Amino acid sequence: FKETQLARMKPGQKVHVKVDAFPGTDLLAKVDSFSPASGASFALLPPDNATGNFTKIVQRVPVKLVFEPESLKALGEAASRIVPGLSVQVEVELSE
């Protein structure tokens, strides 16, 4: 998620995940935790913008989602093919 999308997110919130590899399937999950640093901090070659010009770049922060077991049962054996890096559409139910 972009850092600007995290303001109202917190662990425990419900999440709807649509995985492009499994069209028509809406998986349920929950927000588990947030990474202690942005993706750029963990990169093998992190960007080093020390040129004197400053351009603010919105960072991406990894968010751990845990799927509901019942949701994965609907996929059967295909659930083992859900791996990091797949294209997904994620909707987090934000609560006030």
PDB file of N, CA and C in Angstrom:
ATOM      1  N   PHE A   1       0.840  -1.175   0.000  1.00  0.00           N
ATOM      2  CA  PHE A   1       0.000   0.000   0.000  1.00  0.00           C
ATOM      3  C   PHE A   1       0.885   1.238   0.000  1.00  0.00           C
ATOM      4  N   LYS A   2       0.388   2.314  -0.572  1.00  0.00           N
ATOM      5  CA  LYS A   2       1.113   3.581  -0.509  1.00  0.00           C
ATOM      6  C   LYS A   2       1.006   4.118   0.915  1.00  0.00           C
ATOM      7  N   GLU A   3       2.034   4.828   1.345  1.00  0.00           N
ATOM      8  CA  GLU A   3       2.035   5.348   2.714  1.00  0.00           C
ATOM      9  C   GLU A   3       0.844   6.262   2.986  1.00  0.00           C
ATOM     10  N   THR A   4       0.326   6.912   1.957  1.00  0.00           N
ATOM     11  CA  THR A   4      -0.820   7.811   2.124  1.00  0.00           C
ATOM     12  C   THR A   4      -2.126   7.044   2.329  1.00  0.00           C
ATOM     13  N   GLN A   5      -2.123   5.729   2.113  1.00  0.00           N
ATOM     14  CA  GLN A   5      -3.328   4.919   2.280  1.00  0.00           C
ATOM     15  C   GLN A   5      -3.406   4.254   3.659  1.00  0.00           C
ATOM     16  N   LEU A   6      -2.405   4.442   4.488  1.00  0.00           N
ATOM     17  CA  LEU A   6      -2.322   3.715   5.756  1.00  0.00           C
ATOM     18  C   LEU A   6      -2.955   4.425   6.945  1.00  0.00           C
ATOM     19  N   ALA A   7      -3.336   5.670   6.798  1.00  0.00           N
ATOM     20  CA  ALA A   7      -3.767   6.477   7.942  1.00  0.00           C
ATOM     21  C   ALA A   7      -4.878   5.829   8.753  1.00  0.00           C
ATOM     22  N   ARG A   8      -5.865   5.223   8.107  1.00  0.00           N
ATOM     23  CA  ARG A   8      -7.004   4.657   8.833  1.00  0.00           C
ATOM     24  C   ARG A   8      -6.964   3.129   8.907  1.00  0.00           C
ATOM     25  N   MET A   9      -5.881   2.535   8.436  1.00  0.00           N
ATOM     26  CA  MET A   9      -5.763   1.079   8.495  1.00  0.00           C
ATOM     27  C   MET A   9      -5.177   0.653   9.831  1.00  0.00           C
ATOM     28  N   LYS A  10      -5.675  -0.485  10.341  1.00  0.00           N
ATOM     29  CA  LYS A  10      -5.128  -1.026  11.584  1.00  0.00           C
ATOM     30  C   LYS A  10      -5.327  -2.545  11.591  1.00  0.00           C
ATOM     31  N   PRO A  11      -4.509  -3.242  12.365  1.00  0.00           N
ATOM     32  CA  PRO A  11      -4.641  -4.695  12.433  1.00  0.00           C
ATOM     33  C   PRO A  11      -6.043  -5.123  12.849  1.00  0.00           C
ATOM     34  N   GLY A  12      -6.504  -6.205  12.229  1.00  0.00           N
ATOM     35  CA  GLY A  12      -7.817  -6.749  12.550  1.00  0.00           C
ATOM     36  C   GLY A  12      -8.913  -6.360  11.576  1.00  0.00           C
ATOM     37  N   GLN A  13      -8.669  -5.357  10.740  1.00  0.00           N
ATOM     38  CA  GLN A  13      -9.702  -4.931   9.802  1.00  0.00           C
ATOM     39  C   GLN A  13      -9.912  -5.987   8.716  1.00  0.00           C
ATOM     40  N   LYS A  14     -11.173  -6.135   8.288  1.00  0.00           N
ATOM     41  CA  LYS A  14     -11.515  -7.100   7.244  1.00  0.00           C
ATOM     42  C   LYS A  14     -11.016  -6.608   5.894  1.00  0.00           C
ATOM     43  N   VAL A  15     -10.621  -7.566   5.055  1.00  0.00           N
ATOM     44  CA  VAL A  15     -10.080  -7.257   3.734  1.00  0.00           C
ATOM     45  C   VAL A  15     -10.719  -8.186   2.710  1.00  0.00           C
ATOM     46  N   HIS A  16     -11.072  -7.639   1.555  1.00  0.00           N
ATOM     47  CA  HIS A  16     -11.551  -8.424   0.420  1.00  0.00           C
ATOM     48  C   HIS A  16     -10.440  -8.427  -0.619  1.00  0.00           C
ATOM     49  N   VAL A  17     -10.050  -9.623  -1.059  1.00  0.00           N
ATOM     50  CA  VAL A  17      -8.944  -9.765  -2.002  1.00  0.00           C
ATOM     51  C   VAL A  17      -9.448 -10.478  -3.247  1.00  0.00           C
ATOM     52  N   LYS A  18      -9.247  -9.856  -4.398  1.00  0.00           N
ATOM     53  CA  LYS A  18      -9.558 -10.483  -5.684  1.00  0.00           C
ATOM     54  C   LYS A  18      -8.234 -10.757  -6.378  1.00  0.00           C
ATOM     55  N   VAL A  19      -7.926 -12.028  -6.579  1.00  0.00           N
ATOM     56  CA  VAL A  19      -6.674 -12.436  -7.198  1.00  0.00           C
ATOM     57  C   VAL A  19      -6.921 -12.622  -8.691  1.00  0.00           C
ATOM     58  N   ASP A  20      -6.140 -11.933  -9.523  1.00  0.00           N
ATOM     59  CA  ASP A  20      -6.320 -12.023 -10.969  1.00  0.00           C
ATOM     60  C   ASP A  20      -6.192 -13.451 -11.487  1.00  0.00           C
ATOM     61  N   ALA A  21      -5.384 -14.275 -10.828  1.00  0.00           N
ATOM     62  CA  ALA A  21      -5.186 -15.657 -11.255  1.00  0.00           C
ATOM     63  C   ALA A  21      -6.429 -16.521 -11.034  1.00  0.00           C
ATOM     64  N   PHE A  22      -7.345 -16.060 -10.182  1.00  0.00           N
ATOM     65  CA  PHE A  22      -8.568 -16.801  -9.885  1.00  0.00           C
ATOM     66  C   PHE A  22      -9.778 -15.888 -10.095  1.00  0.00           C
ATOM     67  N   PRO A  23     -10.138 -15.621 -11.354  1.00  0.00           N
ATOM     68  CA  PRO A  23     -11.233 -14.689 -11.624  1.00  0.00           C
ATOM     69  C   PRO A  23     -12.551 -15.141 -10.993  1.00  0.00           C
ATOM     70  N   GLY A  24     -13.292 -14.169 -10.507  1.00  0.00           N
ATOM     71  CA  GLY A  24     -14.591 -14.441  -9.910  1.00  0.00           C
ATOM     72  C   GLY A  24     -14.527 -14.904  -8.464  1.00  0.00           C
ATOM     73  N   THR A  25     -13.341 -14.961  -7.889  1.00  0.00           N
ATOM     74  CA  THR A  25     -13.195 -15.405  -6.508  1.00  0.00           C
ATOM     75  C   THR A  25     -12.880 -14.214  -5.616  1.00  0.00           C
ATOM     76  N   ASP A  26     -13.678 -14.048  -4.564  1.00  0.00           N
ATOM     77  CA  ASP A  26     -13.454 -12.978  -3.589  1.00  0.00           C
ATOM     78  C   ASP A  26     -13.001 -13.634  -2.298  1.00  0.00           C
ATOM     79  N   LEU A  27     -11.729 -13.458  -1.956  1.00  0.00           N
ATOM     80  CA  LEU A  27     -11.180 -14.063  -0.753  1.00  0.00           C
ATOM     81  C   LEU A  27     -11.258 -13.081   0.413  1.00  0.00           C
ATOM     82  N   LEU A  28     -11.506 -13.603   1.588  1.00  0.00           N
ATOM     83  CA  LEU A  28     -11.576 -12.769   2.783  1.00  0.00           C
ATOM     84  C   LEU A  28     -10.289 -12.931   3.584  1.00  0.00           C
ATOM     85  N   ALA A  29      -9.833 -11.819   4.141  1.00  0.00           N
ATOM     86  CA  ALA A  29      -8.603 -11.816   4.944  1.00  0.00           C
ATOM     87  C   ALA A  29      -8.742 -10.750   6.024  1.00  0.00           C
ATOM     88  N   LYS A  30      -7.707 -10.630   6.839  1.00  0.00           N
ATOM     89  CA  LYS A  30      -7.634  -9.576   7.848  1.00  0.00           C
ATOM     90  C   LYS A  30      -6.252  -8.954   7.795  1.00  0.00           C
ATOM     91  N   VAL A  31      -6.188  -7.656   8.128  1.00  0.00           N
ATOM     92  CA  VAL A  31      -4.901  -6.985   8.238  1.00  0.00           C
ATOM     93  C   VAL A  31      -4.223  -7.555   9.477  1.00  0.00           C
ATOM     94  N   ASP A  32      -3.005  -8.079   9.301  1.00  0.00           N
ATOM     95  CA  ASP A  32      -2.277  -8.664  10.424  1.00  0.00           C
ATOM     96  C   ASP A  32      -1.280  -7.672  11.004  1.00  0.00           C
ATOM     97  N   SER A  33      -0.418  -7.107  10.134  1.00  0.00           N
ATOM     98  CA  SER A  33       0.607  -6.194  10.629  1.00  0.00           C
ATOM     99  C   SER A  33       1.172  -5.348   9.497  1.00  0.00           C
ATOM    100  N   PHE A  34       1.977  -4.369   9.873  1.00  0.00           N
ATOM    101  CA  PHE A  34       2.619  -3.474   8.922  1.00  0.00           C
ATOM    102  C   PHE A  34       4.125  -3.669   9.022  1.00  0.00           C
ATOM    103  N   SER A  35       4.798  -3.549   7.903  1.00  0.00           N
ATOM    104  CA  SER A  35       6.250  -3.684   7.891  1.00  0.00           C
ATOM    105  C   SER A  35       6.882  -2.546   8.683  1.00  0.00           C
ATOM    106  N   PRO A  36       8.014  -2.812   9.339  1.00  0.00           N
ATOM    107  CA  PRO A  36       8.675  -1.745  10.091  1.00  0.00           C
ATOM    108  C   PRO A  36       9.381  -0.720   9.211  1.00  0.00           C
ATOM    109  N   ALA A  37       9.412  -0.951   7.895  1.00  0.00           N
ATOM    110  CA  ALA A  37      10.065  -0.006   6.977  1.00  0.00           C
ATOM    111  C   ALA A  37       9.434  -0.124   5.606  1.00  0.00           C
ATOM    112  N   SER A  38       9.683   0.868   4.768  1.00  0.00           N
ATOM    113  CA  SER A  38       9.131   0.841   3.408  1.00  0.00           C
ATOM    114  C   SER A  38       9.882  -0.163   2.557  1.00  0.00           C
ATOM    115  N   GLY A  39       9.307  -0.486   1.406  1.00  0.00           N
ATOM    116  CA  GLY A  39       9.939  -1.418   0.488  1.00  0.00           C
ATOM    117  C   GLY A  39      11.301  -0.955   0.033  1.00  0.00           C
ATOM    118  N   ALA A  40      11.494   0.344  -0.129  1.00  0.00           N
ATOM    119  CA  ALA A  40      12.778   0.880  -0.584  1.00  0.00           C
ATOM    120  C   ALA A  40      13.876   0.631   0.442  1.00  0.00           C
ATOM    121  N   SER A  41      13.530   0.578   1.714  1.00  0.00           N
ATOM    122  CA  SER A  41      14.524   0.345   2.764  1.00  0.00           C
ATOM    123  C   SER A  41      15.102  -1.062   2.700  1.00  0.00           C
ATOM    124  N   PHE A  42      14.313  -2.003   2.182  1.00  0.00           N
ATOM    125  CA  PHE A  42      14.749  -3.390   2.098  1.00  0.00           C
ATOM    126  C   PHE A  42      15.321  -3.753   0.731  1.00  0.00           C
ATOM    127  N   ALA A  43      15.317  -2.815  -0.188  1.00  0.00           N
ATOM    128  CA  ALA A  43      15.787  -3.093  -1.542  1.00  0.00           C
ATOM    129  C   ALA A  43      17.281  -3.390  -1.558  1.00  0.00           C
ATOM    130  N   LEU A  44      17.693  -4.249  -2.482  1.00  0.00           N
ATOM    131  CA  LEU A  44      19.102  -4.577  -2.628  1.00  0.00           C
ATOM    132  C   LEU A  44      19.909  -3.330  -2.969  1.00  0.00           C
ATOM    133  N   LEU A  45      19.367  -2.500  -3.849  1.00  0.00           N
ATOM    134  CA  LEU A  45      19.990  -1.225  -4.206  1.00  0.00           C
ATOM    135  C   LEU A  45      18.986  -0.107  -3.963  1.00  0.00           C
ATOM    136  N   PRO A  46      18.889   0.371  -2.716  1.00  0.00           N
ATOM    137  CA  PRO A  46      17.891   1.411  -2.421  1.00  0.00           C
ATOM    138  C   PRO A  46      18.225   2.712  -3.143  1.00  0.00           C
ATOM    139  N   PRO A  47      17.187   3.478  -3.479  1.00  0.00           N
ATOM    140  CA  PRO A  47      17.440   4.747  -4.159  1.00  0.00           C
ATOM    141  C   PRO A  47      18.226   5.701  -3.277  1.00  0.00           C
ATOM    142  N   ASP A  48      19.178   6.394  -3.864  1.00  0.00           N
ATOM    143  CA  ASP A  48      19.981   7.365  -3.124  1.00  0.00           C
ATOM    144  C   ASP A  48      19.852   8.701  -3.834  1.00  0.00           C
ATOM    145  N   ASN A  49      18.921   9.517  -3.378  1.00  0.00           N
ATOM    146  CA  ASN A  49      18.625  10.788  -4.035  1.00  0.00           C
ATOM    147  C   ASN A  49      19.404  11.923  -3.390  1.00  0.00           C
ATOM    148  N   ALA A  50      20.720  11.850  -3.400  1.00  0.00           N
ATOM    149  CA  ALA A  50      21.550  12.871  -2.772  1.00  0.00           C
ATOM    150  C   ALA A  50      22.139  13.816  -3.813  1.00  0.00           C
ATOM    151  N   THR A  51      21.320  14.239  -4.765  1.00  0.00           N
ATOM    152  CA  THR A  51      21.817  15.087  -5.842  1.00  0.00           C
ATOM    153  C   THR A  51      21.627  16.568  -5.556  1.00  0.00           C
ATOM    154  N   GLY A  52      21.008  16.900  -4.439  1.00  0.00           N
ATOM    155  CA  GLY A  52      20.758  18.297  -4.138  1.00  0.00           C
ATOM    156  C   GLY A  52      19.324  18.704  -4.443  1.00  0.00           C
ATOM    157  N   ASN A  53      18.696  18.027  -5.370  1.00  0.00           N
ATOM    158  CA  ASN A  53      17.290  18.285  -5.669  1.00  0.00           C
ATOM    159  C   ASN A  53      16.459  17.283  -4.874  1.00  0.00           C
ATOM    160  N   PHE A  54      15.367  17.749  -4.318  1.00  0.00           N
ATOM    161  CA  PHE A  54      14.533  16.856  -3.532  1.00  0.00           C
ATOM    162  C   PHE A  54      13.197  16.672  -4.212  1.00  0.00           C
ATOM    163  N   THR A  55      12.889  15.451  -4.531  1.00  0.00           N
ATOM    164  CA  THR A  55      11.582  15.103  -5.074  1.00  0.00           C
ATOM    165  C   THR A  55      10.958  14.111  -4.120  1.00  0.00           C
ATOM    166  N   LYS A  56       9.818  14.465  -3.565  1.00  0.00           N
ATOM    167  CA  LYS A  56       9.155  13.581  -2.617  1.00  0.00           C
ATOM    168  C   LYS A  56       8.467  12.457  -3.387  1.00  0.00           C
ATOM    169  N   ILE A  57       8.813  11.237  -3.058  1.00  0.00           N
ATOM    170  CA  ILE A  57       8.234  10.070  -3.708  1.00  0.00           C
ATOM    171  C   ILE A  57       7.438   9.305  -2.667  1.00  0.00           C
ATOM    172  N   VAL A  58       6.171   9.035  -2.974  1.00  0.00           N
ATOM    173  CA  VAL A  58       5.330   8.284  -2.053  1.00  0.00           C
ATOM    174  C   VAL A  58       5.868   6.859  -1.973  1.00  0.00           C
ATOM    175  N   GLN A  59       6.147   6.413  -0.762  1.00  0.00           N
ATOM    176  CA  GLN A  59       6.714   5.086  -0.551  1.00  0.00           C
ATOM    177  C   GLN A  59       5.615   4.037  -0.425  1.00  0.00           C
ATOM    178  N   ARG A  60       5.979   2.821  -0.682  1.00  0.00           N
ATOM    179  CA  ARG A  60       5.064   1.691  -0.500  1.00  0.00           C
ATOM    180  C   ARG A  60       5.495   0.933   0.746  1.00  0.00           C
ATOM    181  N   VAL A  61       4.494   0.580   1.565  1.00  0.00           N
ATOM    182  CA  VAL A  61       4.759  -0.116   2.817  1.00  0.00           C
ATOM    183  C   VAL A  61       4.100  -1.495   2.748  1.00  0.00           C
ATOM    184  N   PRO A  62       4.890  -2.556   2.924  1.00  0.00           N
ATOM    185  CA  PRO A  62       4.296  -3.895   2.922  1.00  0.00           C
ATOM    186  C   PRO A  62       3.326  -4.072   4.093  1.00  0.00           C
ATOM    187  N   VAL A  63       2.170  -4.667   3.800  1.00  0.00           N
ATOM    188  CA  VAL A  63       1.151  -4.945   4.808  1.00  0.00           C
ATOM    189  C   VAL A  63       0.880  -6.446   4.768  1.00  0.00           C
ATOM    190  N   LYS A  64       0.967  -7.098   5.926  1.00  0.00           N
ATOM    191  CA  LYS A  64       0.721  -8.535   5.979  1.00  0.00           C
ATOM    192  C   LYS A  64      -0.770  -8.789   6.146  1.00  0.00           C
ATOM    193  N   LEU A  65      -1.329  -9.567   5.206  1.00  0.00           N
ATOM    194  CA  LEU A  65      -2.723  -9.973   5.268  1.00  0.00           C
ATOM    195  C   LEU A  65      -2.764 -11.470   5.549  1.00  0.00           C
ATOM    196  N   VAL A  66      -3.689 -11.888   6.400  1.00  0.00           N
ATOM    197  CA  VAL A  66      -3.854 -13.310   6.703  1.00  0.00           C
ATOM    198  C   VAL A  66      -5.232 -13.717   6.189  1.00  0.00           C
ATOM    199  N   PHE A  67      -5.251 -14.725   5.301  1.00  0.00           N
ATOM    200  CA  PHE A  67      -6.510 -15.194   4.734  1.00  0.00           C
ATOM    201  C   PHE A  67      -7.317 -15.961   5.767  1.00  0.00           C
ATOM    202  N   GLU A  68      -8.639 -15.820   5.674  1.00  0.00           N
ATOM    203  CA  GLU A  68      -9.542 -16.596   6.509  1.00  0.00           C
ATOM    204  C   GLU A  68      -9.513 -18.046   6.001  1.00  0.00           C
ATOM    205  N   PRO A  69      -9.395 -19.029   6.896  1.00  0.00           N
ATOM    206  CA  PRO A  69      -9.304 -20.428   6.464  1.00  0.00           C
ATOM    207  C   PRO A  69     -10.487 -20.877   5.595  1.00  0.00           C
ATOM    208  N   GLU A  70     -11.695 -20.425   5.922  1.00  0.00           N
ATOM    209  CA  GLU A  70     -12.874 -20.813   5.144  1.00  0.00           C
ATOM    210  C   GLU A  70     -12.775 -20.303   3.713  1.00  0.00           C
ATOM    211  N   SER A  71     -12.178 -19.131   3.566  1.00  0.00           N
ATOM    212  CA  SER A  71     -12.035 -18.519   2.257  1.00  0.00           C
ATOM    213  C   SER A  71     -11.094 -19.343   1.378  1.00  0.00           C
ATOM    214  N   LEU A  72     -10.016 -19.839   1.959  1.00  0.00           N
ATOM    215  CA  LEU A  72      -9.057 -20.651   1.207  1.00  0.00           C
ATOM    216  C   LEU A  72      -9.610 -22.031   0.869  1.00  0.00           C
ATOM    217  N   LYS A  73     -10.475 -22.555   1.727  1.00  0.00           N
ATOM    218  CA  LYS A  73     -11.072 -23.869   1.455  1.00  0.00           C
ATOM    219  C   LYS A  73     -11.863 -23.856   0.158  1.00  0.00           C
ATOM    220  N   ALA A  74     -12.467 -22.720  -0.174  1.00  0.00           N
ATOM    221  CA  ALA A  74     -13.250 -22.610  -1.406  1.00  0.00           C
ATOM    222  C   ALA A  74     -12.373 -22.792  -2.644  1.00  0.00           C
ATOM    223  N   LEU A  75     -11.083 -22.472  -2.538  1.00  0.00           N
ATOM    224  CA  LEU A  75     -10.169 -22.646  -3.673  1.00  0.00           C
ATOM    225  C   LEU A  75      -9.647 -24.069  -3.787  1.00  0.00           C
ATOM    226  N   GLY A  76      -9.723 -24.840  -2.720  1.00  0.00           N
ATOM    227  CA  GLY A  76      -9.213 -26.215  -2.734  1.00  0.00           C
ATOM    228  C   GLY A  76      -7.705 -26.232  -2.895  1.00  0.00           C
ATOM    229  N   GLU A  77      -7.220 -27.114  -3.770  1.00  0.00           N
ATOM    230  CA  GLU A  77      -5.777 -27.258  -3.988  1.00  0.00           C
ATOM    231  C   GLU A  77      -5.157 -26.009  -4.615  1.00  0.00           C
ATOM    232  N   ALA A  78      -5.954 -25.225  -5.299  1.00  0.00           N
ATOM    233  CA  ALA A  78      -5.449 -24.011  -5.957  1.00  0.00           C
ATOM    234  C   ALA A  78      -4.927 -22.992  -4.944  1.00  0.00           C
ATOM    235  N   ALA A  79      -5.347 -23.099  -3.689  1.00  0.00           N
ATOM    236  CA  ALA A  79      -4.900 -22.151  -2.656  1.00  0.00           C
ATOM    237  C   ALA A  79      -3.382 -22.166  -2.496  1.00  0.00           C
ATOM    238  N   SER A  80      -2.752 -23.283  -2.798  1.00  0.00           N
ATOM    239  CA  SER A  80      -1.291 -23.369  -2.672  1.00  0.00           C
ATOM    240  C   SER A  80      -0.581 -22.542  -3.744  1.00  0.00           C
ATOM    241  N   ARG A  81      -1.322 -22.096  -4.756  1.00  0.00           N
ATOM    242  CA  ARG A  81      -0.727 -21.279  -5.823  1.00  0.00           C
ATOM    243  C   ARG A  81      -0.836 -19.785  -5.552  1.00  0.00           C
ATOM    244  N   ILE A  82      -1.321 -19.409  -4.382  1.00  0.00           N
ATOM    245  CA  ILE A  82      -1.323 -17.995  -3.992  1.00  0.00           C
ATOM    246  C   ILE A  82       0.049 -17.695  -3.410  1.00  0.00           C
ATOM    247  N   VAL A  83       0.820 -16.912  -4.139  1.00  0.00           N
ATOM    248  CA  VAL A  83       2.195 -16.610  -3.746  1.00  0.00           C
ATOM    249  C   VAL A  83       2.434 -15.107  -3.808  1.00  0.00           C
ATOM    250  N   PRO A  84       3.443 -14.604  -3.106  1.00  0.00           N
ATOM    251  CA  PRO A  84       3.763 -13.175  -3.179  1.00  0.00           C
ATOM    252  C   PRO A  84       4.062 -12.752  -4.612  1.00  0.00           C
ATOM    253  N   GLY A  85       3.568 -11.572  -4.980  1.00  0.00           N
ATOM    254  CA  GLY A  85       3.841 -11.019  -6.301  1.00  0.00           C
ATOM    255  C   GLY A  85       2.692 -11.143  -7.281  1.00  0.00           C
ATOM    256  N   LEU A  86       1.639 -11.900  -6.934  1.00  0.00           N
ATOM    257  CA  LEU A  86       0.491 -12.005  -7.831  1.00  0.00           C
ATOM    258  C   LEU A  86      -0.243 -10.665  -7.888  1.00  0.00           C
ATOM    259  N   SER A  87      -0.879 -10.397  -9.008  1.00  0.00           N
ATOM    260  CA  SER A  87      -1.676  -9.176  -9.140  1.00  0.00           C
ATOM    261  C   SER A  87      -3.008  -9.373  -8.432  1.00  0.00           C
ATOM    262  N   VAL A  88      -3.330  -8.433  -7.556  1.00  0.00           N
ATOM    263  CA  VAL A  88      -4.580  -8.518  -6.796  1.00  0.00           C
ATOM    264  C   VAL A  88      -5.229  -7.140  -6.690  1.00  0.00           C
ATOM    265  N   GLN A  89      -6.510  -7.158  -6.383  1.00  0.00           N
ATOM    266  CA  GLN A  89      -7.235  -5.939  -6.024  1.00  0.00           C
ATOM    267  C   GLN A  89      -7.649  -6.126  -4.569  1.00  0.00           C
ATOM    268  N   VAL A  90      -7.264  -5.178  -3.729  1.00  0.00           N
ATOM    269  CA  VAL A  90      -7.508  -5.298  -2.295  1.00  0.00           C
ATOM    270  C   VAL A  90      -8.380  -4.145  -1.822  1.00  0.00           C
ATOM    271  N   GLU A  91      -9.416  -4.487  -1.060  1.00  0.00           N
ATOM    272  CA  GLU A  91     -10.281  -3.482  -0.447  1.00  0.00           C
ATOM    273  C   GLU A  91     -10.308  -3.728   1.052  1.00  0.00           C
ATOM    274  N   VAL A  92      -9.878  -2.745   1.820  1.00  0.00           N
ATOM    275  CA  VAL A  92      -9.869  -2.841   3.285  1.00  0.00           C
ATOM    276  C   VAL A  92     -11.108  -2.139   3.819  1.00  0.00           C
ATOM    277  N   GLU A  93     -11.835  -2.823   4.684  1.00  0.00           N
ATOM    278  CA  GLU A  93     -13.006  -2.201   5.333  1.00  0.00           C
ATOM    279  C   GLU A  93     -12.501  -1.323   6.457  1.00  0.00           C
ATOM    280  N   LEU A  94     -12.510  -0.017   6.231  1.00  0.00           N
ATOM    281  CA  LEU A  94     -12.004   0.941   7.215  1.00  0.00           C
ATOM    282  C   LEU A  94     -13.069   1.238   8.249  1.00  0.00           C
ATOM    283  N   SER A  95     -12.676   1.228   9.505  1.00  0.00           N
ATOM    284  CA  SER A  95     -13.600   1.585  10.574  1.00  0.00           C
ATOM    285  C   SER A  95     -13.113   2.849  11.246  1.00  0.00           C
ATOM    286  N   GLU A  96     -14.030   3.616  11.728  1.00  0.00           N
ATOM    287  CA  GLU A  96     -13.688   4.896  12.361  1.00  0.00           C
ATOM    288  C   GLU A  96     -13.164   4.693  13.754  1.00  0.00           C
TER     289      GLU A  96
END
